[in-house]
Amino acid sequence: MINKTVWIHKVGDLLVDSFHYLALFGIGATIVWSAVHDYIEMMRTGHADLEDILLLFIYLELGAMVGTYFKTRRLPVQFLIYIAITALSRHLVIDVQKVADSFHLYLLLGITFAIALLSVAVFILSYTGKNYGCPEDSQFNRKD
């Protein structure tokens, strides 16, 4: 007879894994659907602006993030930071044309500072991960 605690843990792991895979497929499908929709809209208009291209990069980064999580069961923080940098860059490109008063100037400077700060964060995360490893590496090894 199987120990009840072992059985409960196995069922719990199965339910959590099932939820993760279902959620990943749902999120992945939504990303593809949104990207295709926006791409078709670009094709319909006959051109793509820089903000449209940056939006496609956001979709690409989201897809890479889902793929990485699907393969490794880990969500690298760098992907979220890359998405934030791309989104802020997209916002910066859109607002550069609207700089007419001092508020917009401060907004642009704030966005630029945020991009620089996020870039430093990516550098620090990459450096520490390369030189010191990640604490969870030994904890979440896949048994495939």
N, C-alpha and C. Protein backbone atom coordinates (compact mmCIF):
# COMPACT_ATOMS: atom_id res chain seq x y z
N MET A 1 0.84 -1.19 0.00
CA MET A 1 0.00 0.00 0.00
C MET A 1 0.88 1.25 0.00
N ILE A 2 0.50 2.21 -0.85
CA ILE A 2 1.26 3.44 -0.98
C ILE A 2 0.95 4.36 0.20
N ASN A 3 1.99 4.97 0.72
CA ASN A 3 1.85 5.93 1.79
C ASN A 3 0.96 7.08 1.32
N LYS A 4 0.00 7.51 2.15
CA LYS A 4 -0.93 8.57 1.75
C LYS A 4 -0.22 9.88 1.45
N THR A 5 0.80 10.20 2.20
CA THR A 5 1.53 11.46 1.97
C THR A 5 2.21 11.43 0.61
N VAL A 6 2.83 10.31 0.25
CA VAL A 6 3.49 10.18 -1.05
C VAL A 6 2.45 10.30 -2.15
N TRP A 7 1.31 9.67 -2.00
CA TRP A 7 0.24 9.72 -3.00
C TRP A 7 -0.27 11.14 -3.16
N ILE A 8 -0.48 11.84 -2.04
CA ILE A 8 -0.96 13.21 -2.09
C ILE A 8 0.05 14.11 -2.81
N HIS A 9 1.34 13.93 -2.53
CA HIS A 9 2.37 14.73 -3.21
C HIS A 9 2.40 14.44 -4.71
N LYS A 10 2.24 13.18 -5.09
CA LYS A 10 2.24 12.83 -6.52
C LYS A 10 1.04 13.44 -7.23
N VAL A 11 -0.13 13.37 -6.62
CA VAL A 11 -1.33 13.96 -7.21
C VAL A 11 -1.18 15.49 -7.28
N GLY A 12 -0.65 16.08 -6.21
CA GLY A 12 -0.45 17.53 -6.20
C GLY A 12 0.52 17.96 -7.29
N ASP A 13 1.63 17.23 -7.44
CA ASP A 13 2.60 17.54 -8.50
C ASP A 13 1.97 17.41 -9.88
N LEU A 14 1.16 16.38 -10.08
CA LEU A 14 0.49 16.18 -11.36
C LEU A 14 -0.47 17.34 -11.65
N LEU A 15 -1.22 17.77 -10.66
CA LEU A 15 -2.16 18.88 -10.85
C LEU A 15 -1.44 20.19 -11.13
N VAL A 16 -0.35 20.45 -10.41
CA VAL A 16 0.41 21.68 -10.64
C VAL A 16 1.03 21.67 -12.02
N ASP A 17 1.65 20.53 -12.40
CA ASP A 17 2.24 20.43 -13.75
C ASP A 17 1.18 20.58 -14.83
N SER A 18 0.03 19.97 -14.63
CA SER A 18 -1.05 20.09 -15.62
C SER A 18 -1.50 21.54 -15.76
N PHE A 19 -1.64 22.23 -14.64
CA PHE A 19 -2.03 23.64 -14.69
C PHE A 19 -0.98 24.46 -15.42
N HIS A 20 0.30 24.23 -15.10
CA HIS A 20 1.37 24.98 -15.76
C HIS A 20 1.35 24.78 -17.26
N TYR A 21 1.23 23.53 -17.71
CA TYR A 21 1.23 23.27 -19.15
C TYR A 21 0.00 23.87 -19.82
N LEU A 22 -1.14 23.74 -19.20
CA LEU A 22 -2.36 24.32 -19.76
C LEU A 22 -2.24 25.84 -19.84
N ALA A 23 -1.75 26.45 -18.77
CA ALA A 23 -1.58 27.91 -18.76
C ALA A 23 -0.54 28.35 -19.80
N LEU A 24 0.57 27.60 -19.93
CA LEU A 24 1.59 27.95 -20.91
C LEU A 24 1.05 27.87 -22.33
N PHE A 25 0.28 26.82 -22.63
CA PHE A 25 -0.30 26.71 -23.96
C PHE A 25 -1.30 27.84 -24.21
N GLY A 26 -2.08 28.19 -23.19
CA GLY A 26 -3.03 29.30 -23.33
C GLY A 26 -2.33 30.63 -23.55
N ILE A 27 -1.30 30.89 -22.75
CA ILE A 27 -0.55 32.14 -22.90
C ILE A 27 0.16 32.16 -24.25
N GLY A 28 0.79 31.05 -24.62
CA GLY A 28 1.47 30.97 -25.91
C GLY A 28 0.53 31.19 -27.08
N ALA A 29 -0.64 30.58 -27.01
CA ALA A 29 -1.63 30.75 -28.08
C ALA A 29 -2.10 32.20 -28.15
N THR A 30 -2.27 32.84 -27.00
CA THR A 30 -2.69 34.24 -26.98
C THR A 30 -1.62 35.15 -27.58
N ILE A 31 -0.36 34.86 -27.28
CA ILE A 31 0.74 35.65 -27.84
C ILE A 31 0.75 35.51 -29.36
N VAL A 32 0.66 34.27 -29.85
CA VAL A 32 0.66 34.03 -31.29
C VAL A 32 -0.54 34.71 -31.94
N TRP A 33 -1.71 34.56 -31.34
CA TRP A 33 -2.93 35.17 -31.88
C TRP A 33 -2.78 36.69 -31.97
N SER A 34 -2.29 37.32 -30.91
CA SER A 34 -2.12 38.77 -30.90
C SER A 34 -1.08 39.21 -31.93
N ALA A 35 0.03 38.49 -32.00
CA ALA A 35 1.08 38.84 -32.96
C ALA A 35 0.58 38.72 -34.39
N VAL A 36 -0.13 37.63 -34.68
CA VAL A 36 -0.67 37.44 -36.04
C VAL A 36 -1.68 38.53 -36.36
N HIS A 37 -2.54 38.86 -35.40
CA HIS A 37 -3.53 39.91 -35.62
C HIS A 37 -2.86 41.24 -35.95
N ASP A 38 -1.84 41.61 -35.16
CA ASP A 38 -1.15 42.88 -35.42
C ASP A 38 -0.37 42.83 -36.72
N TYR A 39 0.21 41.68 -37.04
CA TYR A 39 0.96 41.56 -38.29
C TYR A 39 0.02 41.70 -39.49
N ILE A 40 -1.14 41.07 -39.42
CA ILE A 40 -2.12 41.19 -40.50
C ILE A 40 -2.57 42.64 -40.66
N GLU A 41 -2.72 43.33 -39.54
CA GLU A 41 -3.09 44.75 -39.60
C GLU A 41 -1.99 45.57 -40.28
N MET A 42 -0.73 45.25 -39.99
CA MET A 42 0.38 45.94 -40.66
C MET A 42 0.37 45.66 -42.15
N MET A 43 0.10 44.42 -42.51
CA MET A 43 0.05 44.05 -43.93
C MET A 43 -1.10 44.78 -44.63
N ARG A 44 -2.22 44.91 -43.92
CA ARG A 44 -3.38 45.59 -44.49
C ARG A 44 -3.08 47.05 -44.77
N THR A 45 -2.36 47.71 -43.86
CA THR A 45 -2.03 49.12 -44.08
C THR A 45 -0.90 49.29 -45.09
N GLY A 46 -0.16 48.25 -45.35
CA GLY A 46 0.88 48.32 -46.36
C GLY A 46 2.24 48.77 -45.86
N HIS A 47 2.36 49.03 -44.56
CA HIS A 47 3.66 49.42 -44.01
C HIS A 47 3.67 49.15 -42.51
N ALA A 48 4.88 49.15 -41.95
CA ALA A 48 5.03 48.99 -40.51
C ALA A 48 5.87 50.15 -39.99
N ASP A 49 5.37 50.83 -38.99
CA ASP A 49 6.13 51.89 -38.34
C ASP A 49 7.11 51.28 -37.35
N LEU A 50 8.00 52.10 -36.84
CA LEU A 50 8.97 51.62 -35.87
C LEU A 50 8.27 51.09 -34.62
N GLU A 51 7.22 51.73 -34.19
CA GLU A 51 6.49 51.25 -33.01
C GLU A 51 5.85 49.89 -33.28
N ASP A 52 5.43 49.62 -34.51
CA ASP A 52 4.89 48.30 -34.86
C ASP A 52 5.97 47.23 -34.80
N ILE A 53 7.15 47.57 -35.29
CA ILE A 53 8.26 46.62 -35.26
C ILE A 53 8.67 46.32 -33.82
N LEU A 54 8.71 47.36 -32.98
CA LEU A 54 9.04 47.14 -31.57
C LEU A 54 7.97 46.29 -30.89
N LEU A 55 6.72 46.45 -31.29
CA LEU A 55 5.66 45.62 -30.74
C LEU A 55 5.87 44.15 -31.11
N LEU A 56 6.32 43.91 -32.34
CA LEU A 56 6.62 42.53 -32.75
C LEU A 56 7.77 41.96 -31.93
N PHE A 57 8.74 42.80 -31.58
CA PHE A 57 9.82 42.33 -30.71
C PHE A 57 9.30 41.97 -29.32
N ILE A 58 8.34 42.72 -28.83
CA ILE A 58 7.74 42.40 -27.54
C ILE A 58 7.06 41.03 -27.62
N TYR A 59 6.33 40.78 -28.70
CA TYR A 59 5.70 39.47 -28.88
C TYR A 59 6.76 38.37 -28.94
N LEU A 60 7.86 38.63 -29.64
CA LEU A 60 8.94 37.65 -29.74
C LEU A 60 9.53 37.35 -28.37
N GLU A 61 9.76 38.38 -27.59
CA GLU A 61 10.33 38.18 -26.25
C GLU A 61 9.35 37.45 -25.34
N LEU A 62 8.08 37.76 -25.45
CA LEU A 62 7.07 37.03 -24.66
C LEU A 62 7.06 35.55 -25.05
N GLY A 63 7.12 35.28 -26.36
CA GLY A 63 7.16 33.90 -26.81
C GLY A 63 8.40 33.17 -26.33
N ALA A 64 9.55 33.85 -26.37
CA ALA A 64 10.79 33.24 -25.87
C ALA A 64 10.70 32.97 -24.37
N MET A 65 10.06 33.87 -23.65
CA MET A 65 9.91 33.68 -22.22
C MET A 65 9.03 32.46 -21.93
N VAL A 66 7.94 32.32 -22.66
CA VAL A 66 7.07 31.15 -22.47
C VAL A 66 7.82 29.87 -22.84
N GLY A 67 8.56 29.91 -23.96
CA GLY A 67 9.34 28.74 -24.37
C GLY A 67 10.38 28.35 -23.36
N THR A 68 11.07 29.33 -22.80
CA THR A 68 12.08 29.05 -21.78
C THR A 68 11.44 28.46 -20.54
N TYR A 69 10.33 29.01 -20.12
CA TYR A 69 9.65 28.48 -18.94
C TYR A 69 9.14 27.06 -19.21
N PHE A 70 8.67 26.82 -20.42
CA PHE A 70 8.16 25.49 -20.79
C PHE A 70 9.29 24.46 -20.73
N LYS A 71 10.48 24.84 -21.19
CA LYS A 71 11.59 23.89 -21.24
C LYS A 71 12.29 23.71 -19.90
N THR A 72 12.40 24.76 -19.12
CA THR A 72 13.22 24.71 -17.91
C THR A 72 12.45 24.79 -16.60
N ARG A 73 11.18 25.13 -16.67
CA ARG A 73 10.36 25.36 -15.48
C ARG A 73 10.88 26.52 -14.64
N ARG A 74 11.62 27.40 -15.27
CA ARG A 74 12.14 28.58 -14.59
C ARG A 74 11.85 29.79 -15.46
N LEU A 75 11.64 30.92 -14.82
CA LEU A 75 11.35 32.15 -15.54
C LEU A 75 12.50 33.12 -15.29
N PRO A 76 13.43 33.21 -16.25
CA PRO A 76 14.55 34.14 -16.05
C PRO A 76 14.06 35.58 -15.97
N VAL A 77 14.50 36.28 -14.96
CA VAL A 77 14.09 37.67 -14.76
C VAL A 77 14.56 38.54 -15.91
N GLN A 78 15.67 38.13 -16.56
CA GLN A 78 16.19 38.93 -17.66
C GLN A 78 15.14 39.11 -18.76
N PHE A 79 14.34 38.08 -19.04
CA PHE A 79 13.32 38.20 -20.08
C PHE A 79 12.31 39.28 -19.74
N LEU A 80 11.90 39.34 -18.49
CA LEU A 80 10.96 40.38 -18.08
C LEU A 80 11.58 41.76 -18.23
N ILE A 81 12.87 41.86 -17.92
CA ILE A 81 13.55 43.15 -18.05
C ILE A 81 13.69 43.53 -19.52
N TYR A 82 14.00 42.55 -20.39
CA TYR A 82 14.09 42.84 -21.82
C TYR A 82 12.75 43.35 -22.35
N ILE A 83 11.68 42.73 -21.91
CA ILE A 83 10.34 43.16 -22.34
C ILE A 83 10.07 44.58 -21.85
N ALA A 84 10.44 44.86 -20.60
CA ALA A 84 10.24 46.21 -20.07
C ALA A 84 11.06 47.24 -20.84
N ILE A 85 12.31 46.90 -21.18
CA ILE A 85 13.15 47.83 -21.94
C ILE A 85 12.53 48.09 -23.31
N THR A 86 12.08 47.03 -23.97
CA THR A 86 11.48 47.19 -25.30
C THR A 86 10.19 48.01 -25.21
N ALA A 87 9.38 47.75 -24.19
CA ALA A 87 8.13 48.52 -24.03
C ALA A 87 8.43 49.99 -23.75
N LEU A 88 9.41 50.25 -22.90
CA LEU A 88 9.78 51.64 -22.62
C LEU A 88 10.37 52.31 -23.87
N SER A 89 11.16 51.57 -24.64
CA SER A 89 11.71 52.12 -25.89
C SER A 89 10.59 52.46 -26.86
N ARG A 90 9.61 51.58 -26.93
CA ARG A 90 8.46 51.83 -27.81
C ARG A 90 7.73 53.10 -27.36
N HIS A 91 7.54 53.23 -26.06
CA HIS A 91 6.88 54.41 -25.51
C HIS A 91 7.71 55.66 -25.80
N LEU A 92 9.01 55.55 -25.67
CA LEU A 92 9.91 56.67 -25.93
C LEU A 92 9.83 57.11 -27.39
N VAL A 93 9.79 56.14 -28.30
CA VAL A 93 9.69 56.46 -29.73
C VAL A 93 8.39 57.20 -30.03
N ILE A 94 7.33 56.78 -29.41
CA ILE A 94 6.02 57.41 -29.65
C ILE A 94 6.00 58.82 -29.07
N ASP A 95 6.57 59.01 -27.87
CA ASP A 95 6.49 60.31 -27.20
C ASP A 95 7.53 61.32 -27.67
N VAL A 96 8.57 60.89 -28.37
CA VAL A 96 9.58 61.84 -28.84
C VAL A 96 8.94 62.89 -29.73
N GLN A 97 7.95 62.50 -30.50
CA GLN A 97 7.29 63.42 -31.42
C GLN A 97 6.42 64.45 -30.68
N LYS A 98 6.09 64.18 -29.43
CA LYS A 98 5.16 65.04 -28.70
C LYS A 98 5.85 65.99 -27.72
N VAL A 99 7.18 66.06 -27.73
CA VAL A 99 7.88 66.90 -26.77
C VAL A 99 7.60 68.37 -27.11
N ALA A 100 6.73 68.96 -26.33
CA ALA A 100 6.37 70.36 -26.57
C ALA A 100 6.49 71.18 -25.30
N ASP A 101 6.35 70.56 -24.17
CA ASP A 101 6.45 71.30 -22.92
C ASP A 101 7.39 70.58 -21.96
N SER A 102 7.62 71.19 -20.82
CA SER A 102 8.60 70.66 -19.88
C SER A 102 8.14 69.32 -19.28
N PHE A 103 6.83 69.08 -19.15
CA PHE A 103 6.37 67.81 -18.59
C PHE A 103 6.82 66.65 -19.47
N HIS A 104 6.67 66.81 -20.76
CA HIS A 104 7.08 65.73 -21.66
C HIS A 104 8.60 65.53 -21.63
N LEU A 105 9.33 66.62 -21.46
CA LEU A 105 10.78 66.49 -21.34
C LEU A 105 11.15 65.66 -20.12
N TYR A 106 10.51 65.91 -18.99
CA TYR A 106 10.77 65.13 -17.79
C TYR A 106 10.32 63.68 -17.95
N LEU A 107 9.23 63.48 -18.66
CA LEU A 107 8.77 62.12 -18.95
C LEU A 107 9.80 61.37 -19.78
N LEU A 108 10.32 62.02 -20.81
CA LEU A 108 11.32 61.39 -21.66
C LEU A 108 12.60 61.10 -20.89
N LEU A 109 13.01 62.04 -20.05
CA LEU A 109 14.20 61.81 -19.23
C LEU A 109 13.97 60.66 -18.24
N GLY A 110 12.79 60.60 -17.68
CA GLY A 110 12.46 59.51 -16.75
C GLY A 110 12.48 58.15 -17.45
N ILE A 111 11.92 58.09 -18.65
CA ILE A 111 11.92 56.84 -19.41
C ILE A 111 13.35 56.44 -19.78
N THR A 112 14.15 57.41 -20.19
CA THR A 112 15.54 57.14 -20.54
C THR A 112 16.31 56.63 -19.33
N PHE A 113 16.10 57.25 -18.18
CA PHE A 113 16.75 56.80 -16.94
C PHE A 113 16.29 55.39 -16.58
N ALA A 114 15.02 55.10 -16.74
CA ALA A 114 14.50 53.76 -16.43
C ALA A 114 15.14 52.71 -17.35
N ILE A 115 15.29 53.02 -18.63
CA ILE A 115 15.93 52.09 -19.56
C ILE A 115 17.38 51.85 -19.14
N ALA A 116 18.09 52.91 -18.77
CA ALA A 116 19.48 52.76 -18.33
C ALA A 116 19.56 51.92 -17.06
N LEU A 117 18.67 52.16 -16.13
CA LEU A 117 18.65 51.40 -14.87
C LEU A 117 18.36 49.92 -15.13
N LEU A 118 17.39 49.64 -16.00
CA LEU A 118 17.08 48.25 -16.33
C LEU A 118 18.25 47.58 -17.05
N SER A 119 18.96 48.32 -17.88
CA SER A 119 20.13 47.77 -18.56
C SER A 119 21.22 47.40 -17.57
N VAL A 120 21.42 48.23 -16.57
CA VAL A 120 22.39 47.91 -15.51
C VAL A 120 21.94 46.67 -14.75
N ALA A 121 20.65 46.55 -14.49
CA ALA A 121 20.12 45.38 -13.79
C ALA A 121 20.38 44.09 -14.59
N VAL A 122 20.18 44.15 -15.91
CA VAL A 122 20.46 42.98 -16.75
C VAL A 122 21.94 42.62 -16.68
N PHE A 123 22.80 43.64 -16.73
CA PHE A 123 24.24 43.39 -16.64
C PHE A 123 24.58 42.71 -15.31
N ILE A 124 24.05 43.22 -14.23
CA ILE A 124 24.34 42.66 -12.91
C ILE A 124 23.83 41.22 -12.81
N LEU A 125 22.60 40.98 -13.27
CA LEU A 125 22.05 39.62 -13.23
C LEU A 125 22.87 38.66 -14.09
N SER A 126 23.27 39.10 -15.27
CA SER A 126 24.07 38.25 -16.14
C SER A 126 25.45 37.97 -15.54
N TYR A 127 26.06 38.99 -14.99
CA TYR A 127 27.39 38.85 -14.40
C TYR A 127 27.36 37.90 -13.20
N THR A 128 26.41 38.12 -12.30
CA THR A 128 26.35 37.27 -11.12
C THR A 128 25.95 35.85 -11.47
N GLY A 129 25.04 35.69 -12.42
CA GLY A 129 24.65 34.34 -12.85
C GLY A 129 25.80 33.58 -13.48
N LYS A 130 26.61 34.29 -14.26
CA LYS A 130 27.75 33.64 -14.93
C LYS A 130 28.85 33.30 -13.95
N ASN A 131 29.14 34.21 -13.03
CA ASN A 131 30.27 34.01 -12.13
C ASN A 131 29.93 33.26 -10.85
N TYR A 132 28.69 33.32 -10.40
CA TYR A 132 28.34 32.71 -9.14
C TYR A 132 27.25 31.65 -9.26
N GLY A 133 26.64 31.54 -10.43
CA GLY A 133 25.56 30.58 -10.62
C GLY A 133 24.27 31.08 -10.00
N CYS A 134 23.25 30.30 -10.17
CA CYS A 134 21.95 30.62 -9.60
C CYS A 134 21.66 29.65 -8.46
N PRO A 135 21.19 30.13 -7.33
CA PRO A 135 20.95 29.23 -6.20
C PRO A 135 19.95 28.13 -6.50
N GLU A 136 19.00 28.41 -7.37
CA GLU A 136 17.98 27.41 -7.65
C GLU A 136 18.42 26.37 -8.68
N ASP A 137 19.61 26.51 -9.26
CA ASP A 137 20.06 25.55 -10.26
C ASP A 137 20.11 24.13 -9.72
N SER A 138 20.60 23.95 -8.52
CA SER A 138 20.68 22.61 -7.95
C SER A 138 19.35 22.13 -7.40
N GLN A 139 18.44 23.05 -7.18
CA GLN A 139 17.16 22.72 -6.57
C GLN A 139 16.13 22.22 -7.59
N PHE A 140 16.16 22.73 -8.83
CA PHE A 140 15.13 22.43 -9.81
C PHE A 140 15.66 21.69 -11.01
N ASN A 141 16.53 20.76 -10.82
CA ASN A 141 17.01 19.98 -11.98
C ASN A 141 15.90 19.09 -12.48
N ARG A 142 15.71 19.11 -13.81
CA ARG A 142 14.66 18.29 -14.41
C ARG A 142 15.10 16.84 -14.47
N LYS A 143 14.17 15.97 -14.37
CA LYS A 143 14.44 14.53 -14.40
C LYS A 143 13.90 13.90 -15.67
N ASP A 144 14.07 14.59 -16.79
CA ASP A 144 13.54 14.07 -18.06
C ASP A 144 14.49 13.09 -18.69
